[in-house]
């Protein structure tokens, strides 16, 4: 059974930082591109970032580029997202998702339906003073 368990969310002031983690099991983690997506209150699911199987390639949404850093540890079957310089508009439920290599390249990302990705239960990030 595929399991994706996010942790590390919380309440943080604007300009603050958080580190999200995703513990995985039930699949061959090192063979999957991994992704973070988020959903703000009243809005649809938004792609945030993806990382290739080895970690050699990463991609970020323009809204988080330069502030968020995705990484992975294949020995631990774990995915991470470092969130820095947080803004109120980053408030959302953050989900770790399994797949997809097409999200790494901008040319294939736009046509991909991220709602089809298996994902965990999420961890809440709230940015507020």
Protein backbone atom coordinates (compact mmCIF):
# COMPACT_ATOMS: atom_id res chain seq x y z
CA UNK A 1 0.00 0.00 0.00
CA UNK A 2 1.35 3.39 -1.02
CA UNK A 3 1.70 5.77 1.92
CA UNK A 4 2.68 9.43 1.85
CA UNK A 5 2.75 11.18 5.24
CA UNK A 6 3.49 14.87 5.42
CA UNK A 7 4.68 16.75 8.50
CA UNK A 8 6.29 20.02 9.50
CA UNK A 9 3.51 22.48 8.87
CA UNK A 10 2.43 25.12 11.33
CA UNK A 11 1.78 28.78 12.01
CA UNK A 12 4.59 31.14 11.05
CA UNK A 13 4.94 34.89 10.70
CA UNK A 14 5.53 36.52 7.31
CA UNK A 15 9.20 36.25 6.42
CA UNK A 16 9.59 33.09 8.46
CA UNK A 17 10.62 29.59 7.47
CA UNK A 18 9.36 26.03 7.69
CA UNK A 19 10.67 22.67 6.55
CA UNK A 20 8.11 20.17 5.35
CA UNK A 21 8.84 16.46 5.26
CA UNK A 22 7.14 13.55 3.54
CA UNK A 23 7.75 10.00 4.68
CA UNK A 24 6.89 7.42 2.05
CA UNK A 25 6.44 3.67 1.84
CA UNK A 26 4.84 1.01 -0.32
CA UNK A 27 6.55 1.86 -3.61
CA UNK A 28 10.03 2.15 -5.07
CA UNK A 29 10.63 5.76 -4.07
CA UNK A 30 13.92 6.18 -5.91
CA UNK A 31 12.27 5.47 -9.27
CA UNK A 32 9.63 8.21 -9.00
CA UNK A 33 9.74 11.89 -9.70
CA UNK A 34 8.19 13.51 -6.61
CA UNK A 35 6.10 16.63 -6.30
CA UNK A 36 4.68 19.10 -3.81
CA UNK A 37 1.29 20.63 -4.48
CA UNK A 38 -0.82 22.94 -2.34
CA UNK A 39 -4.40 24.06 -1.95
CA UNK A 40 -5.32 27.41 -0.47
CA UNK A 41 -8.73 27.93 1.14
CA UNK A 42 -11.41 28.19 -1.53
CA UNK A 43 -8.98 27.55 -4.39
CA UNK A 44 -7.95 24.66 -6.59
CA UNK A 45 -4.92 22.46 -6.33
CA UNK A 46 -1.71 24.27 -7.34
CA UNK A 47 1.56 22.72 -8.43
CA UNK A 48 4.49 23.97 -6.32
CA UNK A 49 7.61 21.98 -7.17
CA UNK A 50 8.92 18.70 -8.54
CA UNK A 51 12.21 16.83 -8.26
CA UNK A 52 13.63 14.12 -10.50
CA UNK A 53 14.48 10.62 -9.32
CA UNK A 54 18.10 11.41 -8.48
CA UNK A 55 17.45 14.99 -7.39
CA UNK A 56 19.48 16.28 -10.30
CA UNK A 57 16.61 18.25 -11.78
CA UNK A 58 14.12 20.44 -9.99
CA UNK A 59 11.31 22.73 -11.07
CA UNK A 60 9.36 25.42 -9.25
CA UNK A 61 6.25 27.47 -9.73
CA UNK A 62 7.08 31.11 -10.42
CA UNK A 63 5.25 32.09 -7.22
CA UNK A 64 7.76 30.20 -5.04
CA UNK A 65 10.95 30.28 -7.12
CA UNK A 66 13.88 31.56 -5.09
CA UNK A 67 12.04 31.04 -1.79
CA UNK A 68 11.29 27.31 -1.68
CA UNK A 69 13.75 24.43 -2.08
CA UNK A 70 12.76 20.86 -2.83
CA UNK A 71 15.03 17.94 -1.96
CA UNK A 72 14.92 14.21 -1.42
CA UNK A 73 16.78 11.46 0.40
CA UNK A 74 16.42 8.21 -1.50
CA UNK A 75 18.10 6.25 1.29
CA UNK A 76 15.34 7.36 3.66
CA UNK A 77 12.48 7.35 1.12
CA UNK A 78 11.82 10.93 2.10
CA UNK A 79 10.89 14.14 0.34
CA UNK A 80 11.40 17.65 1.73
CA UNK A 81 10.36 21.21 1.02
CA UNK A 82 12.19 24.12 2.62
CA UNK A 83 9.97 27.18 2.75
CA UNK A 84 11.74 30.52 3.29
CA UNK A 85 10.60 34.14 3.13
CA UNK A 86 7.04 33.01 3.60
CA UNK A 87 4.17 35.25 2.56
CA UNK A 88 0.52 35.27 3.55
CA UNK A 89 -0.36 33.96 0.10
CA UNK A 90 1.61 30.79 0.86
CA UNK A 91 -1.06 29.80 3.37
CA UNK A 92 -2.40 26.44 2.19
CA UNK A 93 -2.55 22.74 2.79
CA UNK A 94 0.64 21.25 1.36
CA UNK A 95 0.63 17.77 -0.12
CA UNK A 96 3.39 15.41 -1.09
CA UNK A 97 2.55 13.66 -4.38
CA UNK A 98 3.86 10.67 -6.27
CA UNK A 99 5.06 11.48 -9.78
CA UNK A 100 5.27 12.70 -12.53
CA UNK A 101 8.32 13.17 -14.75
CA UNK A 102 6.28 15.40 -17.06
CA UNK A 103 6.10 18.04 -14.32
CA UNK A 104 9.84 18.71 -14.54
CA UNK A 105 9.63 20.31 -17.98
CA UNK A 106 7.54 23.42 -18.57
CA UNK A 107 6.53 22.19 -22.03
CA UNK A 108 4.81 19.08 -20.64
CA UNK A 109 3.78 20.46 -17.26
CA UNK A 110 0.99 22.71 -18.50
CA UNK A 111 -1.03 19.86 -19.98
CA UNK A 112 -0.65 17.60 -16.95
CA UNK A 113 -3.56 17.16 -14.55
CA UNK A 114 -2.03 17.27 -11.06
CA UNK A 115 -5.27 16.12 -9.45
CA UNK A 116 -4.49 12.63 -10.77
CA UNK A 117 -1.34 12.30 -8.64
CA UNK A 118 -1.56 10.05 -5.57
CA UNK A 119 -0.93 12.27 -2.57
CA UNK A 120 -0.93 12.23 1.21
CA UNK A 121 -3.29 13.81 3.72
CA UNK A 122 -1.38 17.07 3.77
CA UNK A 123 0.15 19.41 6.32
CA UNK A 124 -1.24 22.88 6.98
CA UNK A 125 0.95 25.94 6.56
CA UNK A 126 -0.46 29.21 7.87
CA UNK A 127 1.44 32.44 7.39
CA UNK A 128 0.07 35.21 9.56
CA UNK A 129 1.21 37.89 11.96
